């Protein structure tokens, strides 16, 4: 079977992420039954790339995908899953459909004639590192240092380090952007996608158009 649109089909170990594995090797099993969106599997392997896909993806690539792929389901009155809408049998293999950027007619006004709005693949692993693709930017959260330290007092949780809002550490982007890996960038947090990966790493993804600027050292 040929895929003639811009879809990419991936294989997944399971629809839901069943556990988080720490560096120590210990596993934390997750209560996934009633949290399909929160614990949807986001780590997949490319099976087939559509002929109109604009991203540099190849069979066997490891990719990070949106939770929407496995959370797209039909349920009954008891909220039990009746059908996963994105899964199909591809020549005997069970695969999941991911939407990617696609070219649009000139009458539809998108920059460079490309619609990035429905992309569901955030990044691909290259040389052991995640590289954002398409219209996505990949960032890591910044943990602020606590304002107070004491060797004698037990400080309340509210005084410990917190994740800085509205800025993060830039890692990579699918489009050209005037930022280098390690830069602190500002972004519009209402458009942020936050994911906990299977290795317990927190990853930020956002459309590049919502990255506002880079903090400069003075």
Protein backbone atom coordinates (compact mmCIF):
# COMPACT_ATOMS: atom_id res chain seq x y z
CA UNK A 1 0.00 0.00 0.00
CA UNK A 2 1.29 3.49 -0.91
CA UNK A 3 0.62 6.54 1.24
CA UNK A 4 -0.06 9.37 -1.19
CA UNK A 5 -0.70 12.20 1.31
CA UNK A 6 1.55 13.82 3.96
CA UNK A 7 0.75 11.32 6.72
CA UNK A 8 3.42 9.37 8.56
CA UNK A 9 2.59 6.00 10.09
CA UNK A 10 4.40 4.90 13.24
CA UNK A 11 4.54 1.82 15.41
CA UNK A 12 4.05 2.15 19.16
CA UNK A 13 4.81 -0.26 22.01
CA UNK A 14 1.28 0.42 23.34
CA UNK A 15 -1.34 3.15 23.12
CA UNK A 16 -0.72 4.31 26.68
CA UNK A 17 2.56 4.89 28.48
CA UNK A 18 2.45 2.33 31.26
CA UNK A 19 5.46 3.46 33.29
CA UNK A 20 8.27 5.98 33.69
CA UNK A 21 11.77 4.54 34.03
CA UNK A 22 14.34 6.40 36.13
CA UNK A 23 18.09 6.43 35.51
CA UNK A 24 18.48 4.00 38.40
CA UNK A 25 16.47 1.46 36.42
CA UNK A 26 13.46 1.63 38.74
CA UNK A 27 10.04 1.89 37.11
CA UNK A 28 7.06 3.95 38.27
CA UNK A 29 3.84 2.40 36.93
CA UNK A 30 1.16 4.91 35.99
CA UNK A 31 -2.62 4.88 36.61
CA UNK A 32 -3.41 5.22 32.92
CA UNK A 33 -7.00 3.93 32.80
CA UNK A 34 -8.69 7.27 33.40
CA UNK A 35 -5.92 9.53 32.08
CA UNK A 36 -5.62 8.69 28.40
CA UNK A 37 -4.49 12.15 27.33
CA UNK A 38 -1.96 12.59 30.15
CA UNK A 39 -0.38 9.17 29.67
CA UNK A 40 -0.72 8.71 25.91
CA UNK A 41 2.35 7.15 24.32
CA UNK A 42 4.51 9.85 22.69
CA UNK A 43 7.50 7.75 21.60
CA UNK A 44 7.17 5.92 18.30
CA UNK A 45 9.13 4.48 15.38
CA UNK A 46 8.48 5.50 11.78
CA UNK A 47 6.98 2.69 9.73
CA UNK A 48 5.94 4.42 6.49
CA UNK A 49 6.31 8.01 5.22
CA UNK A 50 3.68 9.52 2.94
CA UNK A 51 4.79 10.72 -0.48
CA UNK A 52 3.85 14.35 0.30
CA UNK A 53 5.55 14.51 3.71
CA UNK A 54 7.87 17.54 3.79
CA UNK A 55 9.97 16.46 6.79
CA UNK A 56 13.17 14.44 6.52
CA UNK A 57 11.80 11.26 8.06
CA UNK A 58 12.80 7.71 7.22
CA UNK A 59 11.64 4.24 8.11
CA UNK A 60 13.06 3.23 11.50
CA UNK A 61 13.47 6.80 12.79
CA UNK A 62 12.58 7.29 16.46
CA UNK A 63 10.10 10.17 16.81
CA UNK A 64 8.18 12.09 19.46
CA UNK A 65 4.48 12.44 18.65
CA UNK A 66 1.49 14.34 20.00
CA UNK A 67 -0.75 12.73 22.61
CA UNK A 68 -3.64 13.43 20.19
CA UNK A 69 -2.65 10.44 18.06
CA UNK A 70 -3.57 7.80 20.66
CA UNK A 71 -6.12 9.96 22.50
CA UNK A 72 -8.27 10.16 19.35
CA UNK A 73 -10.83 7.53 20.36
CA UNK A 74 -14.50 6.64 20.31
CA UNK A 75 -15.91 5.79 23.74
CA UNK A 76 -19.19 4.44 25.10
CA UNK A 77 -21.35 5.87 27.89
CA UNK A 78 -19.02 4.39 30.53
CA UNK A 79 -15.99 6.10 28.95
CA UNK A 80 -14.62 2.74 27.84
CA UNK A 81 -12.74 2.76 24.54
CA UNK A 82 -14.66 1.33 21.60
CA UNK A 83 -12.23 2.27 18.85
CA UNK A 84 -8.89 4.02 18.31
CA UNK A 85 -9.46 6.25 15.29
CA UNK A 86 -5.84 6.44 14.10
CA UNK A 87 -4.82 2.80 14.14
CA UNK A 88 -4.90 0.41 11.19
CA UNK A 89 -3.49 -2.82 9.88
CA UNK A 90 -0.79 -2.01 7.32
CA UNK A 91 0.16 -5.22 5.51
CA UNK A 92 0.02 -7.12 8.79
CA UNK A 93 1.65 -4.42 10.96
CA UNK A 94 -0.33 -2.35 13.47
CA UNK A 95 0.45 1.32 12.79
CA UNK A 96 -0.79 4.75 13.88
CA UNK A 97 -1.43 7.73 11.63
CA UNK A 98 0.33 11.04 12.41
CA UNK A 99 -0.43 14.21 10.47
CA UNK A 100 2.49 16.33 9.24
CA UNK A 101 2.95 19.67 7.49
CA UNK A 102 1.60 19.84 3.95
CA UNK A 103 1.60 22.19 0.99
CA UNK A 104 -1.61 24.12 0.36
CA UNK A 105 -3.05 25.92 -2.69
CA UNK A 106 -1.92 29.50 -3.29
CA UNK A 107 -5.46 30.68 -2.52
CA UNK A 108 -4.92 29.59 1.11
CA UNK A 109 -2.52 32.09 2.62
CA UNK A 110 0.16 30.31 4.67
CA UNK A 111 3.80 31.40 4.87
CA UNK A 112 5.77 29.65 2.09
CA UNK A 113 2.55 27.85 1.11
CA UNK A 114 2.94 25.29 3.93
CA UNK A 115 0.30 24.45 6.56
CA UNK A 116 2.05 23.64 9.85
CA UNK A 117 -1.11 23.80 11.98
CA UNK A 118 -1.88 20.06 12.11
CA UNK A 119 1.60 18.66 12.72
CA UNK A 120 1.64 15.78 15.18
CA UNK A 121 5.32 14.81 15.07
CA UNK A 122 7.45 17.10 17.24
CA UNK A 123 10.97 15.75 16.83
CA UNK A 124 13.15 13.00 15.40
CA UNK A 125 16.21 11.47 17.06
CA UNK A 126 19.42 12.17 15.16
CA UNK A 127 22.83 11.04 16.46
CA UNK A 128 21.31 10.32 19.85
CA UNK A 129 19.70 13.79 20.24
CA UNK A 130 16.18 15.02 19.63
CA UNK A 131 15.85 17.43 16.70
CA UNK A 132 12.63 19.42 16.28
CA UNK A 133 11.04 19.20 12.84
CA UNK A 134 8.57 21.22 10.78
CA UNK A 135 7.11 24.21 12.59
CA UNK A 136 8.07 23.05 16.10
CA UNK A 137 10.66 24.33 18.56
CA UNK A 138 12.03 22.00 21.25
CA UNK A 139 13.02 23.45 24.64
CA UNK A 140 13.87 22.33 28.17
CA UNK A 141 12.44 23.90 31.33
CA UNK A 142 14.63 26.12 33.50
CA UNK A 143 14.59 25.46 37.23
CA UNK A 144 15.18 28.62 39.21
CA UNK A 145 17.45 28.40 42.22
CA UNK A 146 15.75 28.91 45.57
CA UNK A 147 16.06 32.40 46.96
CA UNK A 148 16.95 31.10 50.44
CA UNK A 149 19.21 28.35 51.70
CA UNK A 150 19.68 27.13 55.22
CA UNK A 151 21.58 24.28 56.82
CA UNK A 152 19.52 24.51 60.00
CA UNK A 153 15.93 25.18 58.91
CA UNK A 154 13.47 23.08 56.96
CA UNK A 155 12.14 25.55 54.39
CA UNK A 156 8.57 25.32 53.07
CA UNK A 157 8.07 23.88 49.60
CA UNK A 158 7.00 27.29 48.31
CA UNK A 159 10.55 28.59 48.93
CA UNK A 160 12.29 25.81 46.99
CA UNK A 161 13.31 26.05 43.33
CA UNK A 162 10.49 26.43 40.83
CA UNK A 163 10.22 26.09 37.08
CA UNK A 164 10.58 29.47 35.42
CA UNK A 165 7.50 30.44 33.42
CA UNK A 166 7.61 32.14 30.05
CA UNK A 167 11.21 31.19 29.24
CA UNK A 168 13.14 27.97 28.64
CA UNK A 169 16.41 26.59 27.30
CA UNK A 170 16.41 26.34 23.51
CA UNK A 171 17.42 22.97 22.06
CA UNK A 172 16.42 22.94 18.39
CA UNK A 173 13.84 24.10 15.86
CA UNK A 174 12.52 22.72 12.60
CA UNK A 175 12.61 26.17 10.99
CA UNK A 176 15.42 28.69 10.88
CA UNK A 177 15.47 30.70 14.10
CA UNK A 178 18.08 33.11 15.46
CA UNK A 179 18.91 31.04 18.53
CA UNK A 180 21.65 28.62 19.53
CA UNK A 181 21.36 25.47 21.62
CA UNK A 182 21.56 26.51 25.28
CA UNK A 183 20.11 30.00 24.76
CA UNK A 184 17.34 31.13 27.08
CA UNK A 185 14.35 32.04 24.95
CA UNK A 186 11.04 33.75 25.68
CA UNK A 187 7.75 32.30 24.45
CA UNK A 188 3.99 32.65 24.74
CA UNK A 189 3.22 30.07 27.43
CA UNK A 190 -0.44 29.67 26.47
CA UNK A 191 0.69 27.77 23.36
CA UNK A 192 3.17 25.51 25.17
CA UNK A 193 2.98 21.71 24.96
CA UNK A 194 4.62 20.00 27.96
CA UNK A 195 5.45 16.30 27.88
CA UNK A 196 7.04 13.86 30.30
CA UNK A 197 9.07 11.42 28.22
CA UNK A 198 9.53 7.74 29.15
CA UNK A 199 12.97 8.54 30.66
CA UNK A 200 11.24 11.06 33.01
CA UNK A 201 12.63 14.05 31.11
CA UNK A 202 10.31 17.04 30.79
CA UNK A 203 10.20 18.37 27.23
CA UNK A 204 8.65 21.60 25.96
CA UNK A 205 7.36 21.96 22.42
CA UNK A 206 5.88 25.09 20.90
CA UNK A 207 5.25 26.43 17.43
CA UNK A 208 8.25 28.50 16.40
CA UNK A 209 6.02 31.50 15.65
CA UNK A 210 5.33 31.79 19.39
CA UNK A 211 9.01 32.05 20.35
CA UNK A 212 9.47 35.78 20.91
CA UNK A 213 13.14 36.34 21.52
CA UNK A 214 16.45 35.37 23.10
CA UNK A 215 17.82 36.70 26.39
CA UNK A 216 21.25 38.22 25.78
CA UNK A 217 24.07 38.24 28.30
CA UNK A 218 25.14 41.77 29.30
